[in-house]
Amino acid sequence: MNVTAIIPAYNEEQTIANVVNCVKNVDKIQKIIVVSDGSSDMTAEIAKKCGAEVIELNENIGKGGAIKAGINKCKTEIILFLDADLIGLTEKHILSLIEPVIENDADMTIGIFKNGRIATDLAQKVSPYLSGQRAIKRSIIDKIPNIDITRYGVETALTKYLKRTSARIQEVDLPEMTHLTKEEKLGIIKGVQERLRMYWDIVKTLSNYNIKKESK
């Protein structure tokens, strides 16, 4: 069963090439879609040169909207979500995310950084639902309402929905992998502002994203 990789990206010219090139080496990935979410740098151009299909959004609409734009162009039953700022991504990481879903051992996997950097390892250990590294069945994600307006809360919405519907979630260790922090990419002041915005989106999603438990 083939898989589409969707990579939302906002000004990730430093790392996007390495991420796309790694995904290209995995035979089970049928298509790579990079969604440039209003990027003002060379993210879209670099992704195209690496062989990804690129969706260029004119303005920044948030991670949830970018993911939804990618889903709309996807035709496979399994979707892999990866952040564009990953460092240390390997083919083994990708296979560990997609194989449990391909083999129907899980409805969604969540990748957890391990032995990468203390800051990112600890953040994901404490709050694994924030991880952007996931594989999920298309038949499930199509049922999730309003995913496009969740912005940074998209991962929280995914986890919350699957837990409410008693779906099978499997956490997967991603050893020696990390990502650039917002402070590293944007500087201390802008990075902290963006982090606070992320936390606010997550709080809103936890408070307002109400989904009734499906009857069996």
N, C-alpha and C. Protein backbone atom coordinates (compact mmCIF):
# COMPACT_ATOMS: atom_id res chain seq x y z
N MET A 1 0.85 -1.19 0.00
CA MET A 1 0.00 0.00 0.00
C MET A 1 0.89 1.24 0.00
N ASN A 2 0.69 2.13 -0.96
CA ASN A 2 1.55 3.30 -1.10
C ASN A 2 1.15 4.41 -0.13
N VAL A 3 2.08 5.31 0.10
CA VAL A 3 1.93 6.38 1.09
C VAL A 3 2.27 7.71 0.45
N THR A 4 1.54 8.75 0.82
CA THR A 4 1.90 10.12 0.44
C THR A 4 2.49 10.82 1.64
N ALA A 5 3.62 11.50 1.44
CA ALA A 5 4.23 12.30 2.50
C ALA A 5 3.82 13.75 2.30
N ILE A 6 3.27 14.36 3.34
CA ILE A 6 2.89 15.76 3.31
C ILE A 6 3.77 16.52 4.29
N ILE A 7 4.44 17.55 3.79
CA ILE A 7 5.40 18.30 4.60
C ILE A 7 5.00 19.78 4.58
N PRO A 8 4.32 20.26 5.63
CA PRO A 8 4.02 21.69 5.70
C PRO A 8 5.29 22.47 6.02
N ALA A 9 5.48 23.60 5.37
CA ALA A 9 6.74 24.32 5.54
C ALA A 9 6.53 25.82 5.48
N TYR A 10 7.09 26.51 6.44
CA TYR A 10 7.06 27.98 6.44
C TYR A 10 8.48 28.49 6.65
N ASN A 11 9.09 28.98 5.58
CA ASN A 11 10.47 29.50 5.62
C ASN A 11 11.44 28.49 6.20
N GLU A 12 11.53 27.34 5.54
CA GLU A 12 12.41 26.26 6.01
C GLU A 12 13.50 25.93 4.99
N GLU A 13 14.07 26.95 4.36
CA GLU A 13 15.07 26.72 3.33
C GLU A 13 16.33 26.03 3.86
N GLN A 14 16.60 26.13 5.16
CA GLN A 14 17.79 25.51 5.72
C GLN A 14 17.71 23.98 5.74
N THR A 15 16.52 23.45 5.91
CA THR A 15 16.38 22.01 6.18
C THR A 15 15.52 21.26 5.18
N ILE A 16 14.75 21.93 4.35
CA ILE A 16 13.77 21.25 3.52
C ILE A 16 14.41 20.26 2.55
N ALA A 17 15.58 20.57 2.01
CA ALA A 17 16.23 19.67 1.05
C ALA A 17 16.56 18.33 1.68
N ASN A 18 17.15 18.35 2.86
CA ASN A 18 17.51 17.10 3.52
C ASN A 18 16.29 16.25 3.83
N VAL A 19 15.21 16.90 4.24
CA VAL A 19 13.98 16.15 4.56
C VAL A 19 13.42 15.50 3.29
N VAL A 20 13.27 16.28 2.23
CA VAL A 20 12.70 15.74 0.99
C VAL A 20 13.59 14.64 0.41
N ASN A 21 14.89 14.85 0.39
CA ASN A 21 15.79 13.86 -0.18
C ASN A 21 15.77 12.55 0.59
N CYS A 22 15.60 12.62 1.89
CA CYS A 22 15.50 11.40 2.69
C CYS A 22 14.21 10.65 2.35
N VAL A 23 13.11 11.37 2.27
CA VAL A 23 11.82 10.73 1.97
C VAL A 23 11.84 10.08 0.59
N LYS A 24 12.54 10.72 -0.35
CA LYS A 24 12.63 10.18 -1.72
C LYS A 24 13.23 8.79 -1.75
N ASN A 25 14.05 8.46 -0.78
CA ASN A 25 14.74 7.17 -0.77
C ASN A 25 13.89 6.02 -0.24
N VAL A 26 12.69 6.31 0.19
CA VAL A 26 11.80 5.27 0.73
C VAL A 26 10.83 4.84 -0.36
N ASP A 27 10.96 3.60 -0.82
CA ASP A 27 10.17 3.11 -1.95
C ASP A 27 8.67 3.13 -1.69
N LYS A 28 8.27 3.00 -0.43
CA LYS A 28 6.85 2.93 -0.11
C LYS A 28 6.16 4.30 -0.16
N ILE A 29 6.93 5.36 -0.32
CA ILE A 29 6.36 6.69 -0.46
C ILE A 29 6.08 6.94 -1.93
N GLN A 30 4.81 7.06 -2.28
CA GLN A 30 4.41 7.25 -3.68
C GLN A 30 4.60 8.70 -4.13
N LYS A 31 4.31 9.64 -3.24
CA LYS A 31 4.38 11.05 -3.61
C LYS A 31 4.80 11.88 -2.41
N ILE A 32 5.54 12.96 -2.68
CA ILE A 32 5.93 13.91 -1.64
C ILE A 32 5.30 15.25 -1.98
N ILE A 33 4.50 15.76 -1.06
CA ILE A 33 3.86 17.06 -1.25
C ILE A 33 4.39 18.02 -0.19
N VAL A 34 5.06 19.07 -0.63
CA VAL A 34 5.50 20.13 0.27
C VAL A 34 4.52 21.29 0.12
N VAL A 35 3.96 21.71 1.24
CA VAL A 35 3.04 22.85 1.22
C VAL A 35 3.77 24.05 1.79
N SER A 36 4.14 24.97 0.91
CA SER A 36 4.82 26.19 1.34
C SER A 36 3.77 27.17 1.83
N ASP A 37 3.72 27.37 3.15
CA ASP A 37 2.64 28.11 3.79
C ASP A 37 2.97 29.61 3.84
N GLY A 38 2.96 30.22 2.66
CA GLY A 38 3.25 31.64 2.57
C GLY A 38 4.71 31.96 2.79
N SER A 39 5.60 31.03 2.48
CA SER A 39 7.04 31.25 2.70
C SER A 39 7.55 32.42 1.86
N SER A 40 8.49 33.18 2.46
CA SER A 40 9.09 34.30 1.74
C SER A 40 10.54 34.02 1.37
N ASP A 41 11.02 32.81 1.68
CA ASP A 41 12.40 32.46 1.35
C ASP A 41 12.40 31.47 0.17
N MET A 42 13.41 30.63 0.07
CA MET A 42 13.55 29.73 -1.07
C MET A 42 12.98 28.32 -0.82
N THR A 43 12.14 28.18 0.19
CA THR A 43 11.59 26.87 0.53
C THR A 43 10.96 26.18 -0.67
N ALA A 44 10.06 26.85 -1.35
CA ALA A 44 9.32 26.23 -2.47
C ALA A 44 10.27 25.85 -3.60
N GLU A 45 11.18 26.73 -3.96
CA GLU A 45 12.10 26.46 -5.07
C GLU A 45 13.00 25.27 -4.77
N ILE A 46 13.52 25.22 -3.54
CA ILE A 46 14.40 24.12 -3.16
C ILE A 46 13.64 22.80 -3.17
N ALA A 47 12.43 22.80 -2.65
CA ALA A 47 11.62 21.57 -2.62
C ALA A 47 11.33 21.07 -4.03
N LYS A 48 11.05 22.00 -4.95
CA LYS A 48 10.81 21.60 -6.34
C LYS A 48 12.05 20.97 -6.96
N LYS A 49 13.20 21.58 -6.73
CA LYS A 49 14.45 21.04 -7.29
C LYS A 49 14.75 19.65 -6.75
N CYS A 50 14.30 19.38 -5.53
CA CYS A 50 14.52 18.06 -4.93
C CYS A 50 13.53 17.02 -5.43
N GLY A 51 12.52 17.45 -6.18
CA GLY A 51 11.58 16.50 -6.77
C GLY A 51 10.23 16.42 -6.10
N ALA A 52 9.96 17.28 -5.14
CA ALA A 52 8.66 17.26 -4.47
C ALA A 52 7.61 18.00 -5.30
N GLU A 53 6.37 17.60 -5.15
CA GLU A 53 5.26 18.39 -5.67
C GLU A 53 5.02 19.50 -4.66
N VAL A 54 4.98 20.74 -5.12
CA VAL A 54 4.90 21.87 -4.20
C VAL A 54 3.59 22.62 -4.39
N ILE A 55 2.93 22.85 -3.27
CA ILE A 55 1.75 23.72 -3.23
C ILE A 55 2.20 25.03 -2.59
N GLU A 56 2.06 26.12 -3.31
CA GLU A 56 2.48 27.41 -2.78
C GLU A 56 1.25 28.22 -2.37
N LEU A 57 1.10 28.44 -1.08
CA LEU A 57 0.01 29.27 -0.57
C LEU A 57 0.48 30.72 -0.54
N ASN A 58 -0.38 31.62 -0.98
CA ASN A 58 0.01 33.02 -1.10
C ASN A 58 0.26 33.69 0.24
N GLU A 59 -0.45 33.23 1.26
CA GLU A 59 -0.28 33.80 2.59
C GLU A 59 -0.23 32.68 3.63
N ASN A 60 0.32 33.00 4.77
CA ASN A 60 0.45 32.01 5.84
C ASN A 60 -0.91 31.77 6.49
N ILE A 61 -1.40 30.53 6.39
CA ILE A 61 -2.71 30.20 6.94
C ILE A 61 -2.60 29.27 8.15
N GLY A 62 -1.40 28.90 8.51
CA GLY A 62 -1.23 28.03 9.67
C GLY A 62 -1.04 26.58 9.28
N LYS A 63 -0.48 25.81 10.20
CA LYS A 63 -0.12 24.43 9.92
C LYS A 63 -1.33 23.57 9.57
N GLY A 64 -2.44 23.79 10.28
CA GLY A 64 -3.65 23.01 9.99
C GLY A 64 -4.13 23.23 8.57
N GLY A 65 -4.15 24.48 8.14
CA GLY A 65 -4.59 24.79 6.78
C GLY A 65 -3.64 24.24 5.74
N ALA A 66 -2.33 24.31 6.02
CA ALA A 66 -1.34 23.77 5.08
C ALA A 66 -1.49 22.27 4.93
N ILE A 67 -1.69 21.58 6.05
CA ILE A 67 -1.90 20.13 6.01
C ILE A 67 -3.15 19.78 5.22
N LYS A 68 -4.22 20.54 5.44
CA LYS A 68 -5.47 20.29 4.71
C LYS A 68 -5.27 20.48 3.21
N ALA A 69 -4.50 21.49 2.82
CA ALA A 69 -4.21 21.72 1.40
C ALA A 69 -3.48 20.52 0.80
N GLY A 70 -2.56 19.94 1.56
CA GLY A 70 -1.86 18.75 1.09
C GLY A 70 -2.76 17.55 1.00
N ILE A 71 -3.63 17.37 1.99
CA ILE A 71 -4.56 16.24 1.98
C ILE A 71 -5.46 16.30 0.76
N ASN A 72 -5.87 17.50 0.37
CA ASN A 72 -6.76 17.65 -0.78
C ASN A 72 -6.11 17.19 -2.09
N LYS A 73 -4.78 17.14 -2.12
CA LYS A 73 -4.06 16.69 -3.32
C LYS A 73 -3.58 15.24 -3.19
N CYS A 74 -3.99 14.60 -2.14
CA CYS A 74 -3.49 13.25 -1.84
C CYS A 74 -4.54 12.20 -2.20
N LYS A 75 -4.10 11.08 -2.78
CA LYS A 75 -5.03 10.03 -3.19
C LYS A 75 -4.75 8.68 -2.53
N THR A 76 -3.68 8.59 -1.75
CA THR A 76 -3.34 7.32 -1.12
C THR A 76 -4.12 7.14 0.19
N GLU A 77 -4.23 5.90 0.63
CA GLU A 77 -4.97 5.60 1.86
C GLU A 77 -4.16 5.92 3.10
N ILE A 78 -2.85 5.97 2.99
CA ILE A 78 -2.01 6.29 4.15
C ILE A 78 -1.24 7.58 3.89
N ILE A 79 -1.22 8.44 4.91
CA ILE A 79 -0.54 9.73 4.79
C ILE A 79 0.51 9.82 5.88
N LEU A 80 1.70 10.26 5.48
CA LEU A 80 2.78 10.53 6.41
C LEU A 80 2.94 12.04 6.55
N PHE A 81 2.92 12.53 7.77
CA PHE A 81 3.18 13.93 8.03
C PHE A 81 4.56 14.08 8.63
N LEU A 82 5.34 15.00 8.08
CA LEU A 82 6.67 15.29 8.61
C LEU A 82 6.85 16.80 8.70
N ASP A 83 7.52 17.25 9.75
CA ASP A 83 7.89 18.66 9.83
C ASP A 83 9.04 18.93 8.86
N ALA A 84 9.13 20.17 8.41
CA ALA A 84 10.15 20.54 7.42
C ALA A 84 11.48 20.94 8.04
N ASP A 85 11.52 21.03 9.37
CA ASP A 85 12.74 21.50 10.03
C ASP A 85 13.49 20.39 10.76
N LEU A 86 13.27 19.15 10.34
CA LEU A 86 13.88 18.00 11.02
C LEU A 86 15.39 17.94 10.76
N ILE A 87 16.10 17.49 11.78
CA ILE A 87 17.53 17.26 11.69
C ILE A 87 17.80 15.82 12.10
N GLY A 88 18.50 15.08 11.23
CA GLY A 88 18.82 13.69 11.54
C GLY A 88 17.80 12.68 11.06
N LEU A 89 16.86 13.10 10.21
CA LEU A 89 15.86 12.17 9.67
C LEU A 89 16.53 11.10 8.81
N THR A 90 16.11 9.84 8.99
CA THR A 90 16.64 8.73 8.21
C THR A 90 15.50 7.92 7.61
N GLU A 91 15.85 7.07 6.66
CA GLU A 91 14.85 6.17 6.07
C GLU A 91 14.26 5.24 7.13
N LYS A 92 15.09 4.83 8.08
CA LYS A 92 14.60 3.95 9.14
C LYS A 92 13.53 4.63 9.97
N HIS A 93 13.69 5.92 10.25
CA HIS A 93 12.67 6.67 10.98
C HIS A 93 11.35 6.64 10.22
N ILE A 94 11.43 6.88 8.92
CA ILE A 94 10.22 6.94 8.10
C ILE A 94 9.52 5.59 8.08
N LEU A 95 10.28 4.52 7.91
CA LEU A 95 9.68 3.18 7.89
C LEU A 95 9.06 2.84 9.23
N SER A 96 9.68 3.27 10.31
CA SER A 96 9.12 2.96 11.63
C SER A 96 7.79 3.67 11.85
N LEU A 97 7.59 4.80 11.16
CA LEU A 97 6.33 5.51 11.26
C LEU A 97 5.23 4.91 10.38
N ILE A 98 5.59 4.51 9.17
CA ILE A 98 4.54 4.08 8.23
C ILE A 98 4.22 2.59 8.31
N GLU A 99 5.17 1.76 8.69
CA GLU A 99 4.93 0.31 8.62
C GLU A 99 3.82 -0.19 9.55
N PRO A 100 3.71 0.31 10.79
CA PRO A 100 2.59 -0.15 11.63
C PRO A 100 1.22 0.16 11.03
N VAL A 101 1.11 1.28 10.30
CA VAL A 101 -0.16 1.64 9.67
C VAL A 101 -0.38 0.80 8.42
N ILE A 102 0.67 0.62 7.63
CA ILE A 102 0.57 -0.22 6.43
C ILE A 102 0.13 -1.64 6.80
N GLU A 103 0.70 -2.16 7.89
CA GLU A 103 0.41 -3.53 8.31
C GLU A 103 -0.85 -3.63 9.17
N ASN A 104 -1.56 -2.51 9.32
CA ASN A 104 -2.81 -2.43 10.08
C ASN A 104 -2.64 -2.80 11.55
N ASP A 105 -1.47 -2.51 12.09
CA ASP A 105 -1.26 -2.68 13.52
C ASP A 105 -1.62 -1.41 14.29
N ALA A 106 -1.80 -0.31 13.57
CA ALA A 106 -2.16 0.97 14.19
C ALA A 106 -2.95 1.79 13.18
N ASP A 107 -3.81 2.67 13.72
CA ASP A 107 -4.52 3.62 12.87
C ASP A 107 -3.74 4.91 12.70
N MET A 108 -2.89 5.19 13.69
CA MET A 108 -1.99 6.35 13.60
C MET A 108 -0.75 6.07 14.45
N THR A 109 0.40 6.46 13.92
CA THR A 109 1.63 6.44 14.71
C THR A 109 2.03 7.87 15.04
N ILE A 110 2.71 8.03 16.17
CA ILE A 110 3.24 9.32 16.59
C ILE A 110 4.73 9.13 16.86
N GLY A 111 5.57 9.89 16.18
CA GLY A 111 7.01 9.78 16.37
C GLY A 111 7.49 10.63 17.52
N ILE A 112 8.30 10.03 18.40
CA ILE A 112 8.81 10.71 19.58
C ILE A 112 10.34 10.79 19.49
N PHE A 113 10.88 12.00 19.54
CA PHE A 113 12.34 12.17 19.51
C PHE A 113 12.99 11.47 20.71
N LYS A 114 14.12 10.84 20.45
CA LYS A 114 14.84 10.14 21.52
C LYS A 114 16.34 10.25 21.25
N ASN A 115 17.10 10.63 22.27
CA ASN A 115 18.55 10.74 22.17
C ASN A 115 18.99 11.73 21.09
N GLY A 116 18.21 12.76 20.91
CA GLY A 116 18.57 13.82 19.97
C GLY A 116 19.18 14.99 20.73
N ARG A 117 18.32 15.91 21.17
CA ARG A 117 18.75 17.00 22.04
C ARG A 117 17.84 17.02 23.25
N ILE A 118 18.38 17.37 24.41
CA ILE A 118 17.61 17.30 25.65
C ILE A 118 16.32 18.10 25.56
N ALA A 119 16.40 19.31 25.02
CA ALA A 119 15.23 20.19 24.98
C ALA A 119 14.08 19.59 24.17
N THR A 120 14.39 19.11 22.96
CA THR A 120 13.33 18.56 22.11
C THR A 120 12.88 17.19 22.58
N ASP A 121 13.82 16.38 23.09
CA ASP A 121 13.45 15.06 23.64
C ASP A 121 12.47 15.23 24.80
N LEU A 122 12.79 16.13 25.72
CA LEU A 122 11.97 16.31 26.90
C LEU A 122 10.59 16.85 26.55
N ALA A 123 10.54 17.79 25.62
CA ALA A 123 9.26 18.38 25.21
C ALA A 123 8.31 17.31 24.67
N GLN A 124 8.84 16.42 23.85
CA GLN A 124 7.97 15.39 23.25
C GLN A 124 7.66 14.27 24.24
N LYS A 125 8.57 14.02 25.16
CA LYS A 125 8.30 13.01 26.18
C LYS A 125 7.16 13.46 27.08
N VAL A 126 7.17 14.75 27.43
CA VAL A 126 6.13 15.30 28.29
C VAL A 126 4.81 15.43 27.53
N SER A 127 4.89 15.87 26.28
CA SER A 127 3.66 16.12 25.50
C SER A 127 3.77 15.48 24.11
N PRO A 128 3.66 14.15 24.03
CA PRO A 128 3.83 13.48 22.74
C PRO A 128 2.79 13.88 21.70
N TYR A 129 1.65 14.37 22.16
CA TYR A 129 0.60 14.75 21.21
C TYR A 129 0.99 15.97 20.38
N LEU A 130 2.10 16.65 20.74
CA LEU A 130 2.54 17.80 19.96
C LEU A 130 3.43 17.41 18.77
N SER A 131 3.83 16.17 18.69
CA SER A 131 4.74 15.74 17.63
C SER A 131 4.10 15.88 16.26
N GLY A 132 4.87 16.43 15.31
CA GLY A 132 4.38 16.56 13.93
C GLY A 132 4.70 15.38 13.06
N GLN A 133 5.40 14.37 13.62
CA GLN A 133 5.81 13.19 12.84
C GLN A 133 4.77 12.10 13.04
N ARG A 134 3.96 11.83 12.04
CA ARG A 134 2.86 10.89 12.17
C ARG A 134 2.55 10.20 10.84
N ALA A 135 2.01 9.01 10.94
CA ALA A 135 1.38 8.35 9.80
C ALA A 135 -0.05 8.03 10.22
N ILE A 136 -0.99 8.20 9.30
CA ILE A 136 -2.39 8.03 9.64
C ILE A 136 -3.17 7.54 8.42
N LYS A 137 -4.25 6.83 8.67
CA LYS A 137 -5.11 6.36 7.58
C LYS A 137 -5.95 7.51 7.05
N ARG A 138 -6.02 7.61 5.75
CA ARG A 138 -6.80 8.68 5.11
C ARG A 138 -8.28 8.58 5.50
N SER A 139 -8.79 7.38 5.63
CA SER A 139 -10.21 7.19 5.95
C SER A 139 -10.56 7.78 7.31
N ILE A 140 -9.58 7.90 8.19
CA ILE A 140 -9.82 8.49 9.51
C ILE A 140 -9.70 10.00 9.45
N ILE A 141 -8.65 10.48 8.84
CA ILE A 141 -8.43 11.93 8.84
C ILE A 141 -9.51 12.67 8.08
N ASP A 142 -10.12 12.03 7.10
CA ASP A 142 -11.21 12.67 6.35
C ASP A 142 -12.43 12.94 7.23
N LYS A 143 -12.53 12.26 8.36
CA LYS A 143 -13.69 12.44 9.25
C LYS A 143 -13.48 13.57 10.26
N ILE A 144 -12.27 14.09 10.34
CA ILE A 144 -11.98 15.08 11.37
C ILE A 144 -12.43 16.46 10.90
N PRO A 145 -13.35 17.09 11.62
CA PRO A 145 -13.90 18.37 11.16
C PRO A 145 -12.97 19.55 11.44
N ASN A 146 -13.00 20.52 10.54
CA ASN A 146 -12.36 21.82 10.77
C ASN A 146 -10.86 21.74 11.04
N ILE A 147 -10.21 20.75 10.47
CA ILE A 147 -8.77 20.62 10.72
C ILE A 147 -7.99 21.79 10.14
N ASP A 148 -8.56 22.45 9.15
CA ASP A 148 -7.86 23.54 8.48
C ASP A 148 -7.75 24.79 9.34
N ILE A 149 -8.57 24.92 10.39
CA ILE A 149 -8.55 26.14 11.19
C ILE A 149 -7.84 25.94 12.54
N THR A 150 -7.21 24.78 12.72
CA THR A 150 -6.56 24.50 14.00
C THR A 150 -5.19 25.13 14.13
N ARG A 151 -4.59 25.55 13.03
CA ARG A 151 -3.26 26.15 13.01
C ARG A 151 -2.26 25.25 13.74
N TYR A 152 -1.55 25.76 14.76
CA TYR A 152 -0.58 24.94 15.48
C TYR A 152 -1.25 23.82 16.29
N GLY A 153 -2.54 23.90 16.45
CA GLY A 153 -3.24 22.87 17.24
C GLY A 153 -3.59 21.62 16.46
N VAL A 154 -3.09 21.49 15.23
CA VAL A 154 -3.51 20.39 14.37
C VAL A 154 -3.14 19.03 14.97
N GLU A 155 -1.94 18.89 15.53
CA GLU A 155 -1.56 17.60 16.11
C GLU A 155 -2.42 17.26 17.32
N THR A 156 -2.75 18.28 18.11
CA THR A 156 -3.63 18.06 19.25
C THR A 156 -5.00 17.60 18.78
N ALA A 157 -5.50 18.20 17.70
CA ALA A 157 -6.80 17.80 17.16
C ALA A 157 -6.77 16.35 16.67
N LEU A 158 -5.70 15.95 15.99
CA LEU A 158 -5.58 14.58 15.52
C LEU A 158 -5.62 13.59 16.68
N THR A 159 -4.80 13.86 17.69
CA THR A 159 -4.73 12.96 18.84
C THR A 159 -6.06 12.91 19.59
N LYS A 160 -6.66 14.07 19.79
CA LYS A 160 -7.92 14.14 20.53
C LYS A 160 -9.01 13.37 19.81
N TYR A 161 -9.07 13.52 18.49
CA TYR A 161 -10.10 12.81 17.72
C TYR A 161 -9.91 11.30 17.82
N LEU A 162 -8.69 10.83 17.61
CA LEU A 162 -8.46 9.38 17.62
C LEU A 162 -8.72 8.78 18.99
N LYS A 163 -8.38 9.51 20.05
CA LYS A 163 -8.65 8.99 21.40
C LYS A 163 -10.15 8.93 21.67
N ARG A 164 -10.88 9.90 21.17
CA ARG A 164 -12.33 9.91 21.36
C ARG A 164 -13.00 8.78 20.59
N THR A 165 -12.42 8.37 19.50
CA THR A 165 -13.03 7.32 18.67
C THR A 165 -12.44 5.95 18.94
N SER A 166 -11.63 5.83 19.97
CA SER A 166 -11.03 4.54 20.36
C SER A 166 -10.16 3.95 19.26
N ALA A 167 -9.56 4.80 18.43
CA ALA A 167 -8.66 4.31 17.39
C ALA A 167 -7.34 3.86 18.02
N ARG A 168 -6.58 3.10 17.27
CA ARG A 168 -5.32 2.55 17.77
C ARG A 168 -4.17 3.52 17.47
N ILE A 169 -3.54 4.02 18.53
CA ILE A 169 -2.42 4.95 18.42
C ILE A 169 -1.16 4.27 18.92
N GLN A 170 -0.11 4.33 18.14
CA GLN A 170 1.16 3.70 18.53
C GLN A 170 2.26 4.75 18.53
N GLU A 171 2.94 4.91 19.66
CA GLU A 171 4.09 5.81 19.73
C GLU A 171 5.33 5.09 19.22
N VAL A 172 6.13 5.80 18.43
CA VAL A 172 7.32 5.24 17.79
C VAL A 172 8.52 6.09 18.16
N ASP A 173 9.57 5.48 18.68
CA ASP A 173 10.79 6.22 19.00
C ASP A 173 11.52 6.61 17.71
N LEU A 174 12.02 7.84 17.69
CA LEU A 174 12.82 8.35 16.56
C LEU A 174 14.19 8.73 17.12
N PRO A 175 15.09 7.76 17.23
CA PRO A 175 16.38 8.02 17.88
C PRO A 175 17.28 8.97 17.08
N GLU A 176 18.00 9.80 17.84
CA GLU A 176 19.00 10.72 17.28
C GLU A 176 18.41 11.68 16.25
N MET A 177 17.18 12.07 16.48
CA MET A 177 16.54 13.05 15.60
C MET A 177 16.05 14.23 16.43
N THR A 178 16.08 15.41 15.85
CA THR A 178 15.61 16.61 16.52
C THR A 178 15.10 17.58 15.46
N HIS A 179 14.86 18.81 15.86
CA HIS A 179 14.49 19.83 14.88
C HIS A 179 14.98 21.18 15.36
N LEU A 180 15.00 22.14 14.46
CA LEU A 180 15.36 23.50 14.84
C LEU A 180 14.25 24.09 15.69
N THR A 181 14.61 24.75 16.77
CA THR A 181 13.61 25.40 17.60
C THR A 181 13.21 26.73 16.96
N LYS A 182 12.08 27.25 17.38
CA LYS A 182 11.62 28.53 16.85
C LYS A 182 12.61 29.64 17.17
N GLU A 183 13.22 29.57 18.34
CA GLU A 183 14.20 30.59 18.71
C GLU A 183 15.43 30.52 17.82
N GLU A 184 15.83 29.32 17.39
CA GLU A 184 16.98 29.18 16.49
C GLU A 184 16.67 29.72 15.11
N LYS A 185 15.44 29.54 14.68
CA LYS A 185 15.06 29.98 13.32
C LYS A 185 14.74 31.47 13.26
N LEU A 186 14.12 31.99 14.31
CA LEU A 186 13.58 33.35 14.25
C LEU A 186 14.30 34.34 15.14
N GLY A 187 15.21 33.84 15.99
CA GLY A 187 15.81 34.70 16.99
C GLY A 187 15.00 34.61 18.28
N ILE A 188 15.59 35.08 19.37
CA ILE A 188 14.97 34.90 20.69
C ILE A 188 13.60 35.57 20.78
N ILE A 189 13.51 36.84 20.44
CA ILE A 189 12.25 37.58 20.65
C ILE A 189 11.14 37.04 19.76
N LYS A 190 11.39 36.97 18.44
CA LYS A 190 10.36 36.47 17.53
C LYS A 190 10.07 34.99 17.79
N GLY A 191 11.11 34.23 18.15
CA GLY A 191 10.92 32.82 18.43
C GLY A 191 10.01 32.59 19.62
N VAL A 192 10.23 33.37 20.69
CA VAL A 192 9.37 33.25 21.88
C VAL A 192 7.94 33.67 21.54
N GLN A 193 7.79 34.73 20.75
CA GLN A 193 6.45 35.16 20.35
C GLN A 193 5.73 34.07 19.57
N GLU A 194 6.45 33.42 18.65
CA GLU A 194 5.85 32.36 17.85
C GLU A 194 5.53 31.14 18.73
N ARG A 195 6.38 30.85 19.69
CA ARG A 195 6.12 29.73 20.60
C ARG A 195 4.86 29.99 21.42
N LEU A 196 4.71 31.23 21.92
CA LEU A 196 3.51 31.57 22.68
C LEU A 196 2.26 31.47 21.82
N ARG A 197 2.39 31.86 20.54
CA ARG A 197 1.27 31.72 19.62
C ARG A 197 0.91 30.25 19.43
N MET A 198 1.93 29.39 19.34
CA MET A 198 1.70 27.96 19.20
C MET A 198 0.95 27.41 20.41
N TYR A 199 1.41 27.79 21.61
CA TYR A 199 0.77 27.31 22.83
C TYR A 199 -0.69 27.77 22.90
N TRP A 200 -0.95 28.99 22.44
CA TRP A 200 -2.32 29.51 22.47
C TRP A 200 -3.21 28.71 21.51
N ASP A 201 -2.70 28.40 20.34
CA ASP A 201 -3.47 27.58 19.40
C ASP A 201 -3.78 26.20 20.00
N ILE A 202 -2.81 25.64 20.71
CA ILE A 202 -3.00 24.32 21.33
C ILE A 202 -4.06 24.40 22.43
N VAL A 203 -3.99 25.44 23.26
CA VAL A 203 -4.97 25.61 24.33
C VAL A 203 -6.37 25.77 23.75
N LYS A 204 -6.50 26.55 22.69
CA LYS A 204 -7.81 26.74 22.05
C LYS A 204 -8.33 25.42 21.52
N THR A 205 -7.45 24.61 20.93
CA THR A 205 -7.86 23.33 20.39
C THR A 205 -8.32 22.40 21.51
N LEU A 206 -7.58 22.35 22.59
CA LEU A 206 -7.95 21.51 23.73
C LEU A 206 -9.28 21.95 24.32
N SER A 207 -9.54 23.25 24.32
CA SER A 207 -10.76 23.78 24.94
C SER A 207 -11.98 23.69 24.04
N ASN A 208 -11.77 23.89 22.75
CA ASN A 208 -12.92 24.07 21.85
C ASN A 208 -13.15 22.95 20.86
N TYR A 209 -12.16 22.05 20.69
CA TYR A 209 -12.28 21.03 19.65
C TYR A 209 -13.04 19.84 20.21
N ASN A 210 -14.36 19.96 20.27
CA ASN A 210 -15.20 18.93 20.87
C ASN A 210 -15.72 17.98 19.80
N ILE A 211 -15.44 16.70 20.01
CA ILE A 211 -15.86 15.66 19.06
C ILE A 211 -16.57 14.57 19.84
N LYS A 212 -17.77 14.24 19.44
CA LYS A 212 -18.53 13.22 20.14
C LYS A 212 -17.93 11.84 19.86
N LYS A 213 -17.93 11.01 20.89
CA LYS A 213 -17.42 9.67 20.76
C LYS A 213 -18.31 8.87 19.81
N GLU A 214 -17.73 8.22 18.82
CA GLU A 214 -18.52 7.47 17.86
C GLU A 214 -19.08 6.22 18.51
N SER A 215 -20.30 5.88 18.16
CA SER A 215 -20.90 4.64 18.67
C SER A 215 -20.38 3.48 17.87
N LYS A 216 -20.19 2.33 18.54
CA LYS A 216 -19.66 1.15 17.87
C LYS A 216 -20.78 0.39 17.18
